[in-house]
């Protein structure tokens, strides 16, 4: 019994140290998005998942401007589409660890993909410590392909935001959004061959996470919450 308990604890600690990243591309102007937005509320409660809601701006023209939208989120989604050989983007879309995507609120498929990534062997390790407005990030290779370059992203988000939508497809709805991305910056690039440290100044008094991702919106090879 002691051995089984120890194994379970080890698995839980490993998952918390290398959580799976789920990015939700969503919009307040999209009537199909609320079910996926609700799933993000559940993901935000998990220690083994980093859930991020990236509001996009390409539905703003139909009557309601998403107040949390950022054109950079749209560019990131387009980059994922190019990387995956797709010609179109849509909402709601979830991208898991920068490698797999699902349409809408397919909770079973999402759970399957999260579980698969949790079981995968680590490719790199990352830690991040915050002191006042400065974050120090340390990255270490475990088993990475040679020749690739990785962007070290630092993302800040609001745990909860509320919207009173007055026009568009969701007119009259009062909606809460979890883990809304508010700021995004790159601390630097890493060649993946040796341990390296980065420092970055945070612009907002909000929680932050770090994503280590192959340059060009490739796979996310490591992620952590800033402590």
C-alpha atoms as a PDB file:
ATOM      1  CA  UNK A   1       0.000   0.000   0.000  1.00  0.00           C
ATOM      2  CA  UNK A   2       2.811   2.396   0.859  1.00  0.00           C
ATOM      3  CA  UNK A   3       4.498   1.731  -2.484  1.00  0.00           C
ATOM      4  CA  UNK A   4       1.271   2.356  -4.438  1.00  0.00           C
ATOM      5  CA  UNK A   5       0.626   5.581  -2.519  1.00  0.00           C
ATOM      6  CA  UNK A   6       4.179   6.780  -3.190  1.00  0.00           C
ATOM      7  CA  UNK A   7       3.756   6.125  -6.916  1.00  0.00           C
ATOM      8  CA  UNK A   8       0.497   8.051  -7.033  1.00  0.00           C
ATOM      9  CA  UNK A   9       2.095  11.006  -5.252  1.00  0.00           C
ATOM     10  CA  UNK A  10       5.046  10.930  -7.650  1.00  0.00           C
ATOM     11  CA  UNK A  11       2.712  10.966 -10.668  1.00  0.00           C
ATOM     12  CA  UNK A  12       0.719  13.877  -9.230  1.00  0.00           C
ATOM     13  CA  UNK A  13       3.852  15.909  -8.485  1.00  0.00           C
ATOM     14  CA  UNK A  14       5.210  15.236 -11.974  1.00  0.00           C
ATOM     15  CA  UNK A  15       1.937  16.404 -13.561  1.00  0.00           C
ATOM     16  CA  UNK A  16       1.932  19.588 -11.516  1.00  0.00           C
ATOM     17  CA  UNK A  17       5.550  20.287 -12.482  1.00  0.00           C
ATOM     18  CA  UNK A  18       4.900  19.716 -16.198  1.00  0.00           C
ATOM     19  CA  UNK A  19       1.243  20.625 -16.775  1.00  0.00           C
ATOM     20  CA  UNK A  20      -0.529  20.321 -20.101  1.00  0.00           C
ATOM     21  CA  UNK A  21      -1.295  23.638 -21.811  1.00  0.00           C
ATOM     22  CA  UNK A  22      -4.781  24.115 -23.262  1.00  0.00           C
ATOM     23  CA  UNK A  23      -5.360  27.302 -25.264  1.00  0.00           C
ATOM     24  CA  UNK A  24      -8.975  28.208 -26.008  1.00  0.00           C
ATOM     25  CA  UNK A  25      -9.562  30.583 -28.912  1.00  0.00           C
ATOM     26  CA  UNK A  26     -12.922  32.167 -28.168  1.00  0.00           C
ATOM     27  CA  UNK A  27     -15.021  35.275 -28.716  1.00  0.00           C
ATOM     28  CA  UNK A  28     -17.881  37.120 -27.072  1.00  0.00           C
ATOM     29  CA  UNK A  29     -19.348  37.454 -30.566  1.00  0.00           C
ATOM     30  CA  UNK A  30     -19.594  33.686 -31.108  1.00  0.00           C
ATOM     31  CA  UNK A  31     -22.812  31.952 -30.055  1.00  0.00           C
ATOM     32  CA  UNK A  32     -21.081  28.538 -30.130  1.00  0.00           C
ATOM     33  CA  UNK A  33     -18.407  29.537 -27.608  1.00  0.00           C
ATOM     34  CA  UNK A  34     -20.126  29.474 -24.174  1.00  0.00           C
ATOM     35  CA  UNK A  35     -19.933  25.653 -23.755  1.00  0.00           C
ATOM     36  CA  UNK A  36     -16.187  25.765 -24.418  1.00  0.00           C
ATOM     37  CA  UNK A  37     -15.851  28.770 -22.108  1.00  0.00           C
ATOM     38  CA  UNK A  38     -17.477  26.708 -19.361  1.00  0.00           C
ATOM     39  CA  UNK A  39     -14.935  23.943 -19.892  1.00  0.00           C
ATOM     40  CA  UNK A  40     -12.199  26.525 -19.349  1.00  0.00           C
ATOM     41  CA  UNK A  41     -13.672  27.179 -15.891  1.00  0.00           C
ATOM     42  CA  UNK A  42     -13.094  23.501 -15.090  1.00  0.00           C
ATOM     43  CA  UNK A  43      -9.581  23.500 -16.549  1.00  0.00           C
ATOM     44  CA  UNK A  44      -8.664  26.549 -14.474  1.00  0.00           C
ATOM     45  CA  UNK A  45      -9.229  24.507 -11.307  1.00  0.00           C
ATOM     46  CA  UNK A  46      -6.792  21.753 -12.277  1.00  0.00           C
ATOM     47  CA  UNK A  47      -3.184  21.604 -11.097  1.00  0.00           C
ATOM     48  CA  UNK A  48      -2.104  19.415 -14.010  1.00  0.00           C
ATOM     49  CA  UNK A  49      -3.428  21.778 -16.696  1.00  0.00           C
ATOM     50  CA  UNK A  50      -2.651  25.370 -17.626  1.00  0.00           C
ATOM     51  CA  UNK A  51      -5.788  26.710 -19.294  1.00  0.00           C
ATOM     52  CA  UNK A  52      -5.598  29.999 -21.196  1.00  0.00           C
ATOM     53  CA  UNK A  53      -8.485  31.816 -22.889  1.00  0.00           C
ATOM     54  CA  UNK A  54      -7.329  33.824 -25.900  1.00  0.00           C
ATOM     55  CA  UNK A  55     -10.106  36.089 -27.114  1.00  0.00           C
ATOM     56  CA  UNK A  56      -9.904  36.835 -30.849  1.00  0.00           C
ATOM     57  CA  UNK A  57     -11.139  39.859 -32.778  1.00  0.00           C
ATOM     58  CA  UNK A  58     -12.407  38.513 -36.098  1.00  0.00           C
ATOM     59  CA  UNK A  59     -16.039  38.267 -34.961  1.00  0.00           C
ATOM     60  CA  UNK A  60     -16.152  41.885 -33.791  1.00  0.00           C
ATOM     61  CA  UNK A  61     -17.748  43.004 -37.056  1.00  0.00           C
ATOM     62  CA  UNK A  62     -21.053  41.188 -36.470  1.00  0.00           C
ATOM     63  CA  UNK A  63     -22.338  43.594 -33.842  1.00  0.00           C
ATOM     64  CA  UNK A  64     -20.318  43.230 -30.629  1.00  0.00           C
ATOM     65  CA  UNK A  65     -16.672  44.063 -30.038  1.00  0.00           C
ATOM     66  CA  UNK A  66     -15.105  41.531 -27.673  1.00  0.00           C
ATOM     67  CA  UNK A  67     -13.602  43.679 -24.918  1.00  0.00           C
ATOM     68  CA  UNK A  68     -10.911  41.091 -24.146  1.00  0.00           C
ATOM     69  CA  UNK A  69      -9.932  40.426 -27.759  1.00  0.00           C
ATOM     70  CA  UNK A  70      -6.393  41.004 -28.982  1.00  0.00           C
ATOM     71  CA  UNK A  71      -5.340  40.845 -32.640  1.00  0.00           C
ATOM     72  CA  UNK A  72      -2.159  39.075 -31.507  1.00  0.00           C
ATOM     73  CA  UNK A  73      -4.333  36.161 -30.374  1.00  0.00           C
ATOM     74  CA  UNK A  74      -5.758  35.943 -33.884  1.00  0.00           C
ATOM     75  CA  UNK A  75      -2.224  35.944 -35.318  1.00  0.00           C
ATOM     76  CA  UNK A  76      -1.248  33.118 -32.961  1.00  0.00           C
ATOM     77  CA  UNK A  77      -4.255  31.080 -34.030  1.00  0.00           C
ATOM     78  CA  UNK A  78      -3.426  31.683 -37.693  1.00  0.00           C
ATOM     79  CA  UNK A  79       0.148  30.545 -37.037  1.00  0.00           C
ATOM     80  CA  UNK A  80      -1.186  27.316 -35.498  1.00  0.00           C
ATOM     81  CA  UNK A  81      -3.328  26.804 -38.600  1.00  0.00           C
ATOM     82  CA  UNK A  82      -0.318  27.230 -40.893  1.00  0.00           C
ATOM     83  CA  UNK A  83       1.772  24.877 -38.742  1.00  0.00           C
ATOM     84  CA  UNK A  84      -0.987  22.261 -38.933  1.00  0.00           C
ATOM     85  CA  UNK A  85      -1.558  22.679 -42.661  1.00  0.00           C
ATOM     86  CA  UNK A  86      -5.016  24.194 -42.212  1.00  0.00           C
ATOM     87  CA  UNK A  87      -6.421  27.045 -44.283  1.00  0.00           C
ATOM     88  CA  UNK A  88      -9.034  28.403 -41.868  1.00  0.00           C
ATOM     89  CA  UNK A  89      -9.485  29.443 -38.261  1.00  0.00           C
ATOM     90  CA  UNK A  90     -12.629  29.291 -36.167  1.00  0.00           C
ATOM     91  CA  UNK A  91     -14.074  29.569 -32.682  1.00  0.00           C
ATOM     92  CA  UNK A  92     -14.256  27.846 -30.363  1.00  0.00           C
ATOM     93  CA  UNK A  93     -11.014  25.971 -30.868  1.00  0.00           C
ATOM     94  CA  UNK A  94      -8.809  24.356 -28.242  1.00  0.00           C
ATOM     95  CA  UNK A  95      -5.127  23.695 -28.921  1.00  0.00           C
ATOM     96  CA  UNK A  96      -3.431  21.193 -26.617  1.00  0.00           C
ATOM     97  CA  UNK A  97       0.306  21.618 -25.980  1.00  0.00           C
ATOM     98  CA  UNK A  98       0.607  23.363 -29.333  1.00  0.00           C
ATOM     99  CA  UNK A  99       0.210  20.015 -31.110  1.00  0.00           C
ATOM    100  CA  UNK A 100      -3.427  18.903 -31.273  1.00  0.00           C
ATOM    101  CA  UNK A 101      -6.645  20.840 -31.746  1.00  0.00           C
ATOM    102  CA  UNK A 102     -10.298  20.089 -31.194  1.00  0.00           C
ATOM    103  CA  UNK A 103     -13.427  21.813 -32.404  1.00  0.00           C
ATOM    104  CA  UNK A 104     -15.827  23.314 -29.902  1.00  0.00           C
ATOM    105  CA  UNK A 105     -16.503  21.743 -26.533  1.00  0.00           C
ATOM    106  CA  UNK A 106     -15.566  18.102 -27.127  1.00  0.00           C
ATOM    107  CA  UNK A 107     -14.865  17.291 -23.493  1.00  0.00           C
ATOM    108  CA  UNK A 108     -14.203  13.568 -23.989  1.00  0.00           C
ATOM    109  CA  UNK A 109     -11.652  14.152 -26.738  1.00  0.00           C
ATOM    110  CA  UNK A 110     -10.085  16.934 -24.679  1.00  0.00           C
ATOM    111  CA  UNK A 111      -9.752  14.623 -21.674  1.00  0.00           C
ATOM    112  CA  UNK A 112      -8.192  11.941 -23.862  1.00  0.00           C
ATOM    113  CA  UNK A 113      -5.594  14.319 -25.272  1.00  0.00           C
ATOM    114  CA  UNK A 114      -4.759  15.788 -21.871  1.00  0.00           C
ATOM    115  CA  UNK A 115      -4.267  12.308 -20.439  1.00  0.00           C
ATOM    116  CA  UNK A 116      -2.008  11.323 -23.338  1.00  0.00           C
ATOM    117  CA  UNK A 117       0.183  14.377 -22.846  1.00  0.00           C
ATOM    118  CA  UNK A 118       0.362  13.828 -19.092  1.00  0.00           C
ATOM    119  CA  UNK A 119       1.702  10.331 -19.712  1.00  0.00           C
ATOM    120  CA  UNK A 120       4.301  11.446 -22.263  1.00  0.00           C
ATOM    121  CA  UNK A 121       7.964  11.540 -21.243  1.00  0.00           C
ATOM    122  CA  UNK A 122       9.252  15.075 -20.503  1.00  0.00           C
ATOM    123  CA  UNK A 123      11.320  16.753 -23.214  1.00  0.00           C
ATOM    124  CA  UNK A 124      12.475  19.725 -21.128  1.00  0.00           C
ATOM    125  CA  UNK A 125      12.125  21.191 -17.656  1.00  0.00           C
ATOM    126  CA  UNK A 126      11.260  24.767 -16.737  1.00  0.00           C
ATOM    127  CA  UNK A 127      10.989  26.629 -13.440  1.00  0.00           C
ATOM    128  CA  UNK A 128       9.985  30.247 -12.875  1.00  0.00           C
ATOM    129  CA  UNK A 129      10.278  32.390  -9.759  1.00  0.00           C
ATOM    130  CA  UNK A 130       8.843  35.874  -9.309  1.00  0.00           C
ATOM    131  CA  UNK A 131      10.436  38.604  -7.213  1.00  0.00           C
ATOM    132  CA  UNK A 132       8.350  41.800  -7.251  1.00  0.00           C
ATOM    133  CA  UNK A 133       7.875  42.517 -10.983  1.00  0.00           C
ATOM    134  CA  UNK A 134      10.770  40.366 -12.196  1.00  0.00           C
ATOM    135  CA  UNK A 135      10.549  36.721 -13.216  1.00  0.00           C
ATOM    136  CA  UNK A 136      13.553  34.436 -13.481  1.00  0.00           C
ATOM    137  CA  UNK A 137      13.073  31.459 -15.773  1.00  0.00           C
ATOM    138  CA  UNK A 138      15.378  28.432 -15.872  1.00  0.00           C
ATOM    139  CA  UNK A 139      15.138  25.882 -18.685  1.00  0.00           C
ATOM    140  CA  UNK A 140      16.876  22.511 -18.898  1.00  0.00           C
ATOM    141  CA  UNK A 141      16.842  20.022 -21.786  1.00  0.00           C
ATOM    142  CA  UNK A 142      15.811  16.424 -21.154  1.00  0.00           C
ATOM    143  CA  UNK A 143      15.296  14.909 -24.602  1.00  0.00           C
ATOM    144  CA  UNK A 144      14.932  17.505 -27.336  1.00  0.00           C
ATOM    145  CA  UNK A 145      15.572  17.216 -31.080  1.00  0.00           C
ATOM    146  CA  UNK A 146      18.816  18.829 -32.176  1.00  0.00           C
ATOM    147  CA  UNK A 147      18.696  21.951 -34.288  1.00  0.00           C
ATOM    148  CA  UNK A 148      15.385  23.372 -33.066  1.00  0.00           C
ATOM    149  CA  UNK A 149      14.958  26.785 -31.451  1.00  0.00           C
ATOM    150  CA  UNK A 150      12.468  27.460 -28.660  1.00  0.00           C
ATOM    151  CA  UNK A 151      10.652  30.621 -27.610  1.00  0.00           C
ATOM    152  CA  UNK A 152      10.268  31.187 -23.879  1.00  0.00           C
ATOM    153  CA  UNK A 153       6.841  32.807 -23.480  1.00  0.00           C
ATOM    154  CA  UNK A 154       5.673  34.580 -20.339  1.00  0.00           C
ATOM    155  CA  UNK A 155       1.886  34.939 -20.225  1.00  0.00           C
ATOM    156  CA  UNK A 156      -0.231  36.862 -17.706  1.00  0.00           C
ATOM    157  CA  UNK A 157      -3.940  36.277 -17.262  1.00  0.00           C
ATOM    158  CA  UNK A 158      -6.947  37.327 -15.209  1.00  0.00           C
ATOM    159  CA  UNK A 159      -8.404  34.358 -13.316  1.00  0.00           C
ATOM    160  CA  UNK A 160     -11.927  35.686 -13.894  1.00  0.00           C
ATOM    161  CA  UNK A 161     -13.501  38.406 -16.037  1.00  0.00           C
ATOM    162  CA  UNK A 162     -17.171  39.283 -16.502  1.00  0.00           C
ATOM    163  CA  UNK A 163     -18.899  40.546 -19.622  1.00  0.00           C
ATOM    164  CA  UNK A 164     -22.354  42.067 -20.077  1.00  0.00           C
ATOM    165  CA  UNK A 165     -22.979  41.496 -23.773  1.00  0.00           C
ATOM    166  CA  UNK A 166     -25.459  43.905 -25.297  1.00  0.00           C
ATOM    167  CA  UNK A 167     -25.309  43.175 -29.044  1.00  0.00           C
ATOM    168  CA  UNK A 168     -24.381  40.448 -31.474  1.00  0.00           C
ATOM    169  CA  UNK A 169     -25.128  36.725 -31.311  1.00  0.00           C
ATOM    170  CA  UNK A 170     -24.923  36.640 -27.499  1.00  0.00           C
ATOM    171  CA  UNK A 171     -26.896  39.833 -26.842  1.00  0.00           C
ATOM    172  CA  UNK A 172     -28.410  39.884 -23.354  1.00  0.00           C
ATOM    173  CA  UNK A 173     -26.007  37.345 -21.859  1.00  0.00           C
ATOM    174  CA  UNK A 174     -24.053  37.882 -18.648  1.00  0.00           C
ATOM    175  CA  UNK A 175     -20.964  35.699 -18.950  1.00  0.00           C
ATOM    176  CA  UNK A 176     -17.919  34.942 -16.819  1.00  0.00           C
ATOM    177  CA  UNK A 177     -14.641  34.017 -18.466  1.00  0.00           C
ATOM    178  CA  UNK A 178     -11.833  32.089 -16.757  1.00  0.00           C
ATOM    179  CA  UNK A 179      -8.089  32.611 -17.265  1.00  0.00           C
ATOM    180  CA  UNK A 180      -8.385  35.459 -19.763  1.00  0.00           C
ATOM    181  CA  UNK A 181      -5.001  36.261 -21.311  1.00  0.00           C
ATOM    182  CA  UNK A 182      -4.091  39.904 -20.713  1.00  0.00           C
ATOM    183  CA  UNK A 183      -0.386  40.112 -21.608  1.00  0.00           C
ATOM    184  CA  UNK A 184       2.078  38.031 -23.583  1.00  0.00           C
ATOM    185  CA  UNK A 185       5.806  38.493 -24.067  1.00  0.00           C
ATOM    186  CA  UNK A 186       8.837  36.462 -25.094  1.00  0.00           C
ATOM    187  CA  UNK A 187      11.619  36.318 -22.521  1.00  0.00           C
ATOM    188  CA  UNK A 188      14.087  35.059 -25.112  1.00  0.00           C
ATOM    189  CA  UNK A 189      15.040  32.188 -27.383  1.00  0.00           C
ATOM    190  CA  UNK A 190      16.728  28.946 -26.343  1.00  0.00           C
ATOM    191  CA  UNK A 191      18.642  26.497 -28.508  1.00  0.00           C
ATOM    192  CA  UNK A 192      17.648  23.553 -26.302  1.00  0.00           C
ATOM    193  CA  UNK A 193      21.190  22.227 -25.915  1.00  0.00           C
ATOM    194  CA  UNK A 194      22.130  23.331 -22.385  1.00  0.00           C
ATOM    195  CA  UNK A 195      20.504  24.866 -19.292  1.00  0.00           C
ATOM    196  CA  UNK A 196      19.824  28.575 -19.615  1.00  0.00           C
ATOM    197  CA  UNK A 197      18.279  31.374 -17.545  1.00  0.00           C
ATOM    198  CA  UNK A 198      16.099  34.282 -18.641  1.00  0.00           C
ATOM    199  CA  UNK A 199      14.694  37.297 -16.821  1.00  0.00           C
ATOM    200  CA  UNK A 200      11.670  39.356 -17.762  1.00  0.00           C
ATOM    201  CA  UNK A 201       9.786  42.284 -16.260  1.00  0.00           C
ATOM    202  CA  UNK A 202       6.063  41.825 -15.768  1.00  0.00           C
ATOM    203  CA  UNK A 203       3.813  44.680 -16.737  1.00  0.00           C
ATOM    204  CA  UNK A 204       0.715  43.656 -14.764  1.00  0.00           C
ATOM    205  CA  UNK A 205      -0.060  42.553 -11.230  1.00  0.00           C
ATOM    206  CA  UNK A 206      -1.591  39.284 -12.409  1.00  0.00           C
ATOM    207  CA  UNK A 207      -0.702  35.579 -12.272  1.00  0.00           C
ATOM    208  CA  UNK A 208       1.803  34.379 -14.854  1.00  0.00           C
ATOM    209  CA  UNK A 209       2.823  31.157 -16.570  1.00  0.00           C
ATOM    210  CA  UNK A 210       5.781  30.207 -18.735  1.00  0.00           C
ATOM    211  CA  UNK A 211       5.529  28.193 -21.957  1.00  0.00           C
ATOM    212  CA  UNK A 212       8.576  26.775 -23.741  1.00  0.00           C
ATOM    213  CA  UNK A 213       7.547  26.296 -27.355  1.00  0.00           C
ATOM    214  CA  UNK A 214       9.326  25.383 -30.546  1.00  0.00           C
ATOM    215  CA  UNK A 215       9.646  28.584 -32.567  1.00  0.00           C
ATOM    216  CA  UNK A 216       6.890  29.086 -35.104  1.00  0.00           C
ATOM    217  CA  UNK A 217       3.993  27.901 -32.921  1.00  0.00           C
ATOM    218  CA  UNK A 218       5.319  24.369 -32.755  1.00  0.00           C
ATOM    219  CA  UNK A 219       4.894  21.922 -29.873  1.00  0.00           C
ATOM    220  CA  UNK A 220       5.017  23.216 -26.307  1.00  0.00           C
ATOM    221  CA  UNK A 221       7.770  21.141 -24.703  1.00  0.00           C
ATOM    222  CA  UNK A 222       7.519  22.454 -21.125  1.00  0.00           C
ATOM    223  CA  UNK A 223       5.332  24.769 -19.050  1.00  0.00           C
ATOM    224  CA  UNK A 224       5.032  25.980 -15.499  1.00  0.00           C
ATOM    225  CA  UNK A 225       3.247  28.451 -13.273  1.00  0.00           C
ATOM    226  CA  UNK A 226       5.288  31.347 -11.962  1.00  0.00           C
ATOM    227  CA  UNK A 227       5.770  30.979  -8.202  1.00  0.00           C
END
